[in-house]
Amino acid sequence: MGTQIILNLPEELYRRAIRIAQINHQDVPTLLVEALEESPVLDKPLPEDGNQGTGNDVVDREMSAYLALHPTLWEKYPGHYVAIYEGELIDHDPVDIALSHRINEKYPDTFVWMSKVEEQPFRTLNIPSFRLEK
Protein backbone atom coordinates (compact mmCIF):
# COMPACT_ATOMS: atom_id res chain seq x y z
CA MET A 1 0.00 0.00 0.00
CA GLY A 2 1.26 3.48 -0.83
CA THR A 3 1.24 6.82 0.89
CA GLN A 4 -1.93 8.85 0.48
CA ILE A 5 -1.44 12.52 -0.36
CA ILE A 6 -3.61 15.51 -1.12
CA LEU A 7 -2.50 17.25 -4.28
CA ASN A 8 -3.69 20.66 -5.49
CA LEU A 9 -3.48 20.86 -9.28
CA PRO A 10 -4.21 23.88 -11.41
CA GLU A 11 -7.71 23.47 -12.87
CA GLU A 12 -6.42 23.38 -16.45
CA LEU A 13 -3.92 20.63 -15.62
CA TYR A 14 -6.57 18.61 -13.77
CA ARG A 15 -8.98 18.79 -16.73
CA ARG A 16 -6.16 17.60 -19.00
CA ALA A 17 -5.40 14.71 -16.62
CA ILE A 18 -9.08 13.71 -16.65
CA ARG A 19 -9.13 13.67 -20.47
CA ILE A 20 -5.96 11.60 -20.68
CA ALA A 21 -7.19 9.19 -17.99
CA GLN A 22 -10.49 8.71 -19.83
CA ILE A 23 -8.69 7.98 -23.10
CA ASN A 24 -6.55 5.39 -21.29
CA HIS A 25 -9.53 3.93 -19.37
CA GLN A 26 -8.03 4.66 -15.96
CA ASP A 27 -8.57 6.99 -13.06
CA VAL A 28 -6.54 10.17 -12.50
CA PRO A 29 -4.50 8.85 -9.53
CA THR A 30 -3.41 5.81 -11.55
CA LEU A 31 -2.51 8.04 -14.50
CA LEU A 32 -0.36 10.29 -12.29
CA VAL A 33 1.41 7.36 -10.63
CA GLU A 34 2.18 5.78 -14.02
CA ALA A 35 3.40 9.10 -15.41
CA LEU A 36 5.81 9.45 -12.49
CA GLU A 37 6.97 5.83 -12.77
CA GLU A 38 7.73 6.31 -16.46
CA SER A 39 9.49 9.67 -16.01
CA PRO A 40 13.07 9.55 -17.33
CA VAL A 41 14.06 11.98 -14.57
CA LEU A 42 13.42 9.25 -11.99
CA ASP A 43 15.97 6.99 -13.68
CA LYS A 44 18.79 9.33 -12.74
CA PRO A 45 20.53 8.73 -9.40
CA LEU A 46 19.88 11.40 -6.80
CA PRO A 47 22.83 13.26 -5.31
CA GLU A 48 23.44 12.58 -1.63
CA ASP A 49 21.73 15.83 -0.60
CA GLY A 50 18.54 14.69 -2.37
CA ASN A 51 18.52 17.56 -4.89
CA GLN A 52 18.02 16.51 -8.49
CA GLY A 53 19.83 18.62 -11.01
CA THR A 54 22.81 19.28 -13.21
CA GLY A 55 24.93 21.00 -10.59
CA ASN A 56 24.58 24.31 -12.42
CA ASP A 57 22.10 26.51 -10.55
CA VAL A 58 21.17 28.59 -13.62
CA VAL A 59 20.50 25.55 -15.81
CA ASP A 60 18.60 23.81 -13.00
CA ARG A 61 16.41 26.87 -12.41
CA GLU A 62 15.46 27.18 -16.08
CA MET A 63 14.94 23.42 -16.46
CA SER A 64 12.65 23.43 -13.40
CA ALA A 65 10.72 26.36 -14.85
CA TYR A 66 10.35 24.54 -18.18
CA LEU A 67 9.03 21.44 -16.39
CA ALA A 68 6.55 23.54 -14.39
CA LEU A 69 5.40 25.42 -17.50
CA HIS A 70 5.29 22.36 -19.76
CA PRO A 71 1.56 21.51 -19.43
CA THR A 72 0.59 25.06 -20.38
CA LEU A 73 3.22 25.24 -23.13
CA TRP A 74 1.95 21.96 -24.60
CA GLU A 75 -1.60 23.29 -24.74
CA LYS A 76 -0.66 26.68 -26.22
CA TYR A 77 2.44 25.98 -28.31
CA PRO A 78 2.66 22.29 -29.30
CA GLY A 79 5.56 21.73 -31.66
CA HIS A 80 6.95 25.24 -31.16
CA TYR A 81 10.35 26.05 -29.77
CA VAL A 82 10.28 28.03 -26.53
CA ALA A 83 12.79 30.15 -24.65
CA ILE A 84 12.75 30.28 -20.84
CA TYR A 85 14.74 32.93 -18.96
CA GLU A 86 14.65 33.67 -15.25
CA GLY A 87 11.83 31.16 -14.86
CA GLU A 88 9.50 32.68 -17.45
CA LEU A 89 8.59 32.13 -21.08
CA ILE A 90 10.19 34.98 -23.00
CA ASP A 91 9.64 33.92 -26.62
CA HIS A 92 8.44 31.10 -28.88
CA ASP A 93 8.56 30.26 -32.56
CA PRO A 94 7.74 27.27 -34.76
CA VAL A 95 11.20 27.66 -36.32
CA ASP A 96 14.15 26.91 -34.03
CA ILE A 97 16.71 29.00 -35.94
CA ALA A 98 14.48 32.08 -35.92
CA LEU A 99 14.01 31.81 -32.16
CA SER A 100 17.71 31.20 -31.62
CA HIS A 101 18.68 34.30 -33.59
CA ARG A 102 16.27 36.53 -31.63
CA ILE A 103 17.42 35.14 -28.29
CA ASN A 104 21.09 35.53 -29.16
CA GLU A 105 20.48 39.15 -30.12
CA LYS A 106 18.48 40.01 -26.99
CA TYR A 107 20.46 37.90 -24.49
CA PRO A 108 24.07 37.62 -25.67
CA ASP A 109 26.38 35.61 -23.42
CA THR A 110 23.43 34.56 -21.23
CA PHE A 111 22.05 31.09 -20.66
CA VAL A 112 18.47 30.79 -21.94
CA TRP A 113 16.68 27.43 -21.90
CA MET A 114 15.43 26.63 -25.41
CA SER A 115 13.49 23.51 -26.16
CA LYS A 116 10.93 22.08 -28.54
CA VAL A 117 7.56 21.61 -26.86
CA GLU A 118 6.60 17.98 -27.30
CA GLU A 119 3.98 15.87 -25.53
CA GLN A 120 6.56 14.77 -22.95
CA PRO A 121 8.95 17.40 -21.55
CA PHE A 122 11.98 15.25 -22.37
CA ARG A 123 12.38 12.75 -25.15
CA THR A 124 13.59 9.27 -24.32
CA LEU A 125 16.05 8.04 -26.88
CA ASN A 126 16.41 4.31 -27.44
CA ILE A 127 19.67 3.62 -29.20
CA PRO A 128 20.03 0.03 -30.33
CA SER A 129 23.44 -1.51 -29.88
CA PHE A 130 24.97 -4.12 -32.10
CA ARG A 131 27.57 -6.80 -31.70
CA LEU A 132 30.25 -7.56 -34.23
CA GLU A 133 31.08 -11.24 -34.57
CA LYS A 134 33.84 -12.85 -36.55
C-alpha atoms as a PDB file:
ATOM      1  CA  MET A   1       0.000   0.000   0.000  1.00  0.00           C
ATOM      2  CA  GLY A   2       1.263   3.482  -0.834  1.00  0.00           C
ATOM      3  CA  THR A   3       1.237   6.819   0.888  1.00  0.00           C
ATOM      4  CA  GLN A   4      -1.930   8.845   0.475  1.00  0.00           C
ATOM      5  CA  ILE A   5      -1.436  12.519  -0.365  1.00  0.00           C
ATOM      6  CA  ILE A   6      -3.613  15.508  -1.123  1.00  0.00           C
ATOM      7  CA  LEU A   7      -2.498  17.253  -4.281  1.00  0.00           C
ATOM      8  CA  ASN A   8      -3.691  20.655  -5.486  1.00  0.00           C
ATOM      9  CA  LEU A   9      -3.483  20.857  -9.278  1.00  0.00           C
ATOM     10  CA  PRO A  10      -4.209  23.884 -11.410  1.00  0.00           C
ATOM     11  CA  GLU A  11      -7.708  23.467 -12.870  1.00  0.00           C
ATOM     12  CA  GLU A  12      -6.419  23.377 -16.454  1.00  0.00           C
ATOM     13  CA  LEU A  13      -3.920  20.628 -15.622  1.00  0.00           C
ATOM     14  CA  TYR A  14      -6.575  18.609 -13.766  1.00  0.00           C
ATOM     15  CA  ARG A  15      -8.976  18.790 -16.734  1.00  0.00           C
ATOM     16  CA  ARG A  16      -6.158  17.601 -18.996  1.00  0.00           C
ATOM     17  CA  ALA A  17      -5.401  14.714 -16.625  1.00  0.00           C
ATOM     18  CA  ILE A  18      -9.079  13.712 -16.645  1.00  0.00           C
ATOM     19  CA  ARG A  19      -9.134  13.672 -20.468  1.00  0.00           C
ATOM     20  CA  ILE A  20      -5.957  11.598 -20.683  1.00  0.00           C
ATOM     21  CA  ALA A  21      -7.193   9.193 -17.992  1.00  0.00           C
ATOM     22  CA  GLN A  22     -10.491   8.713 -19.830  1.00  0.00           C
ATOM     23  CA  ILE A  23      -8.690   7.984 -23.104  1.00  0.00           C
ATOM     24  CA  ASN A  24      -6.548   5.389 -21.294  1.00  0.00           C
ATOM     25  CA  HIS A  25      -9.534   3.927 -19.371  1.00  0.00           C
ATOM     26  CA  GLN A  26      -8.031   4.660 -15.964  1.00  0.00           C
ATOM     27  CA  ASP A  27      -8.569   6.993 -13.061  1.00  0.00           C
ATOM     28  CA  VAL A  28      -6.537  10.172 -12.501  1.00  0.00           C
ATOM     29  CA  PRO A  29      -4.499   8.853  -9.528  1.00  0.00           C
ATOM     30  CA  THR A  30      -3.406   5.805 -11.553  1.00  0.00           C
ATOM     31  CA  LEU A  31      -2.515   8.042 -14.496  1.00  0.00           C
ATOM     32  CA  LEU A  32      -0.363  10.287 -12.294  1.00  0.00           C
ATOM     33  CA  VAL A  33       1.413   7.358 -10.630  1.00  0.00           C
ATOM     34  CA  GLU A  34       2.179   5.784 -14.016  1.00  0.00           C
ATOM     35  CA  ALA A  35       3.404   9.104 -15.407  1.00  0.00           C
ATOM     36  CA  LEU A  36       5.815   9.453 -12.486  1.00  0.00           C
ATOM     37  CA  GLU A  37       6.967   5.833 -12.768  1.00  0.00           C
ATOM     38  CA  GLU A  38       7.726   6.313 -16.465  1.00  0.00           C
ATOM     39  CA  SER A  39       9.486   9.667 -16.010  1.00  0.00           C
ATOM     40  CA  PRO A  40      13.068   9.545 -17.333  1.00  0.00           C
ATOM     41  CA  VAL A  41      14.065  11.978 -14.574  1.00  0.00           C
ATOM     42  CA  LEU A  42      13.422   9.247 -11.990  1.00  0.00           C
ATOM     43  CA  ASP A  43      15.971   6.985 -13.679  1.00  0.00           C
ATOM     44  CA  LYS A  44      18.794   9.335 -12.742  1.00  0.00           C
ATOM     45  CA  PRO A  45      20.528   8.734  -9.402  1.00  0.00           C
ATOM     46  CA  LEU A  46      19.882  11.400  -6.802  1.00  0.00           C
ATOM     47  CA  PRO A  47      22.829  13.263  -5.311  1.00  0.00           C
ATOM     48  CA  GLU A  48      23.437  12.575  -1.627  1.00  0.00           C
ATOM     49  CA  ASP A  49      21.734  15.829  -0.596  1.00  0.00           C
ATOM     50  CA  GLY A  50      18.536  14.687  -2.370  1.00  0.00           C
ATOM     51  CA  ASN A  51      18.519  17.561  -4.890  1.00  0.00           C
ATOM     52  CA  GLN A  52      18.022  16.508  -8.487  1.00  0.00           C
ATOM     53  CA  GLY A  53      19.834  18.624 -11.014  1.00  0.00           C
ATOM     54  CA  THR A  54      22.814  19.281 -13.206  1.00  0.00           C
ATOM     55  CA  GLY A  55      24.932  21.000 -10.591  1.00  0.00           C
ATOM     56  CA  ASN A  56      24.583  24.307 -12.423  1.00  0.00           C
ATOM     57  CA  ASP A  57      22.104  26.508 -10.554  1.00  0.00           C
ATOM     58  CA  VAL A  58      21.167  28.589 -13.623  1.00  0.00           C
ATOM     59  CA  VAL A  59      20.503  25.550 -15.811  1.00  0.00           C
ATOM     60  CA  ASP A  60      18.605  23.806 -12.999  1.00  0.00           C
ATOM     61  CA  ARG A  61      16.412  26.868 -12.415  1.00  0.00           C
ATOM     62  CA  GLU A  62      15.464  27.179 -16.083  1.00  0.00           C
ATOM     63  CA  MET A  63      14.938  23.421 -16.457  1.00  0.00           C
ATOM     64  CA  SER A  64      12.651  23.430 -13.404  1.00  0.00           C
ATOM     65  CA  ALA A  65      10.723  26.362 -14.853  1.00  0.00           C
ATOM     66  CA  TYR A  66      10.352  24.541 -18.181  1.00  0.00           C
ATOM     67  CA  LEU A  67       9.029  21.444 -16.393  1.00  0.00           C
ATOM     68  CA  ALA A  68       6.546  23.539 -14.395  1.00  0.00           C
ATOM     69  CA  LEU A  69       5.400  25.419 -17.501  1.00  0.00           C
ATOM     70  CA  HIS A  70       5.287  22.361 -19.763  1.00  0.00           C
ATOM     71  CA  PRO A  71       1.557  21.511 -19.429  1.00  0.00           C
ATOM     72  CA  THR A  72       0.587  25.064 -20.381  1.00  0.00           C
ATOM     73  CA  LEU A  73       3.223  25.237 -23.125  1.00  0.00           C
ATOM     74  CA  TRP A  74       1.947  21.963 -24.605  1.00  0.00           C
ATOM     75  CA  GLU A  75      -1.601  23.292 -24.737  1.00  0.00           C
ATOM     76  CA  LYS A  76      -0.662  26.684 -26.221  1.00  0.00           C
ATOM     77  CA  TYR A  77       2.443  25.978 -28.311  1.00  0.00           C
ATOM     78  CA  PRO A  78       2.656  22.291 -29.299  1.00  0.00           C
ATOM     79  CA  GLY A  79       5.556  21.728 -31.662  1.00  0.00           C
ATOM     80  CA  HIS A  80       6.948  25.240 -31.161  1.00  0.00           C
ATOM     81  CA  TYR A  81      10.348  26.053 -29.770  1.00  0.00           C
ATOM     82  CA  VAL A  82      10.279  28.030 -26.530  1.00  0.00           C
ATOM     83  CA  ALA A  83      12.794  30.152 -24.651  1.00  0.00           C
ATOM     84  CA  ILE A  84      12.753  30.279 -20.838  1.00  0.00           C
ATOM     85  CA  TYR A  85      14.736  32.926 -18.961  1.00  0.00           C
ATOM     86  CA  GLU A  86      14.646  33.674 -15.252  1.00  0.00           C
ATOM     87  CA  GLY A  87      11.833  31.162 -14.859  1.00  0.00           C
ATOM     88  CA  GLU A  88       9.498  32.685 -17.448  1.00  0.00           C
ATOM     89  CA  LEU A  89       8.586  32.130 -21.077  1.00  0.00           C
ATOM     90  CA  ILE A  90      10.188  34.981 -23.003  1.00  0.00           C
ATOM     91  CA  ASP A  91       9.642  33.919 -26.622  1.00  0.00           C
ATOM     92  CA  HIS A  92       8.443  31.103 -28.879  1.00  0.00           C
ATOM     93  CA  ASP A  93       8.558  30.258 -32.556  1.00  0.00           C
ATOM     94  CA  PRO A  94       7.739  27.272 -34.756  1.00  0.00           C
ATOM     95  CA  VAL A  95      11.203  27.658 -36.319  1.00  0.00           C
ATOM     96  CA  ASP A  96      14.148  26.905 -34.028  1.00  0.00           C
ATOM     97  CA  ILE A  97      16.712  28.996 -35.942  1.00  0.00           C
ATOM     98  CA  ALA A  98      14.480  32.085 -35.923  1.00  0.00           C
ATOM     99  CA  LEU A  99      14.011  31.810 -32.161  1.00  0.00           C
ATOM    100  CA  SER A 100      17.713  31.199 -31.618  1.00  0.00           C
ATOM    101  CA  HIS A 101      18.680  34.305 -33.593  1.00  0.00           C
ATOM    102  CA  ARG A 102      16.273  36.531 -31.629  1.00  0.00           C
ATOM    103  CA  ILE A 103      17.418  35.143 -28.286  1.00  0.00           C
ATOM    104  CA  ASN A 104      21.093  35.525 -29.162  1.00  0.00           C
ATOM    105  CA  GLU A 105      20.482  39.149 -30.123  1.00  0.00           C
ATOM    106  CA  LYS A 106      18.482  40.014 -26.987  1.00  0.00           C
ATOM    107  CA  TYR A 107      20.460  37.897 -24.487  1.00  0.00           C
ATOM    108  CA  PRO A 108      24.067  37.617 -25.669  1.00  0.00           C
ATOM    109  CA  ASP A 109      26.385  35.609 -23.420  1.00  0.00           C
ATOM    110  CA  THR A 110      23.433  34.564 -21.230  1.00  0.00           C
ATOM    111  CA  PHE A 111      22.047  31.086 -20.661  1.00  0.00           C
ATOM    112  CA  VAL A 112      18.470  30.787 -21.945  1.00  0.00           C
ATOM    113  CA  TRP A 113      16.682  27.428 -21.902  1.00  0.00           C
ATOM    114  CA  MET A 114      15.433  26.629 -25.410  1.00  0.00           C
ATOM    115  CA  SER A 115      13.494  23.510 -26.158  1.00  0.00           C
ATOM    116  CA  LYS A 116      10.928  22.082 -28.541  1.00  0.00           C
ATOM    117  CA  VAL A 117       7.558  21.607 -26.855  1.00  0.00           C
ATOM    118  CA  GLU A 118       6.601  17.983 -27.299  1.00  0.00           C
ATOM    119  CA  GLU A 119       3.984  15.873 -25.527  1.00  0.00           C
ATOM    120  CA  GLN A 120       6.561  14.768 -22.950  1.00  0.00           C
ATOM    121  CA  PRO A 121       8.953  17.395 -21.554  1.00  0.00           C
ATOM    122  CA  PHE A 122      11.983  15.251 -22.365  1.00  0.00           C
ATOM    123  CA  ARG A 123      12.378  12.752 -25.150  1.00  0.00           C
ATOM    124  CA  THR A 124      13.594   9.267 -24.318  1.00  0.00           C
ATOM    125  CA  LEU A 125      16.051   8.039 -26.885  1.00  0.00           C
ATOM    126  CA  ASN A 126      16.412   4.312 -27.439  1.00  0.00           C
ATOM    127  CA  ILE A 127      19.666   3.623 -29.197  1.00  0.00           C
ATOM    128  CA  PRO A 128      20.033   0.035 -30.330  1.00  0.00           C
ATOM    129  CA  SER A 129      23.439  -1.514 -29.884  1.00  0.00           C
ATOM    130  CA  PHE A 130      24.971  -4.124 -32.096  1.00  0.00           C
ATOM    131  CA  ARG A 131      27.573  -6.795 -31.700  1.00  0.00           C
ATOM    132  CA  LEU A 132      30.248  -7.564 -34.232  1.00  0.00           C
ATOM    133  CA  GLU A 133      31.078 -11.236 -34.573  1.00  0.00           C
ATOM    134  CA  LYS A 134      33.845 -12.848 -36.550  1.00  0.00           C
END
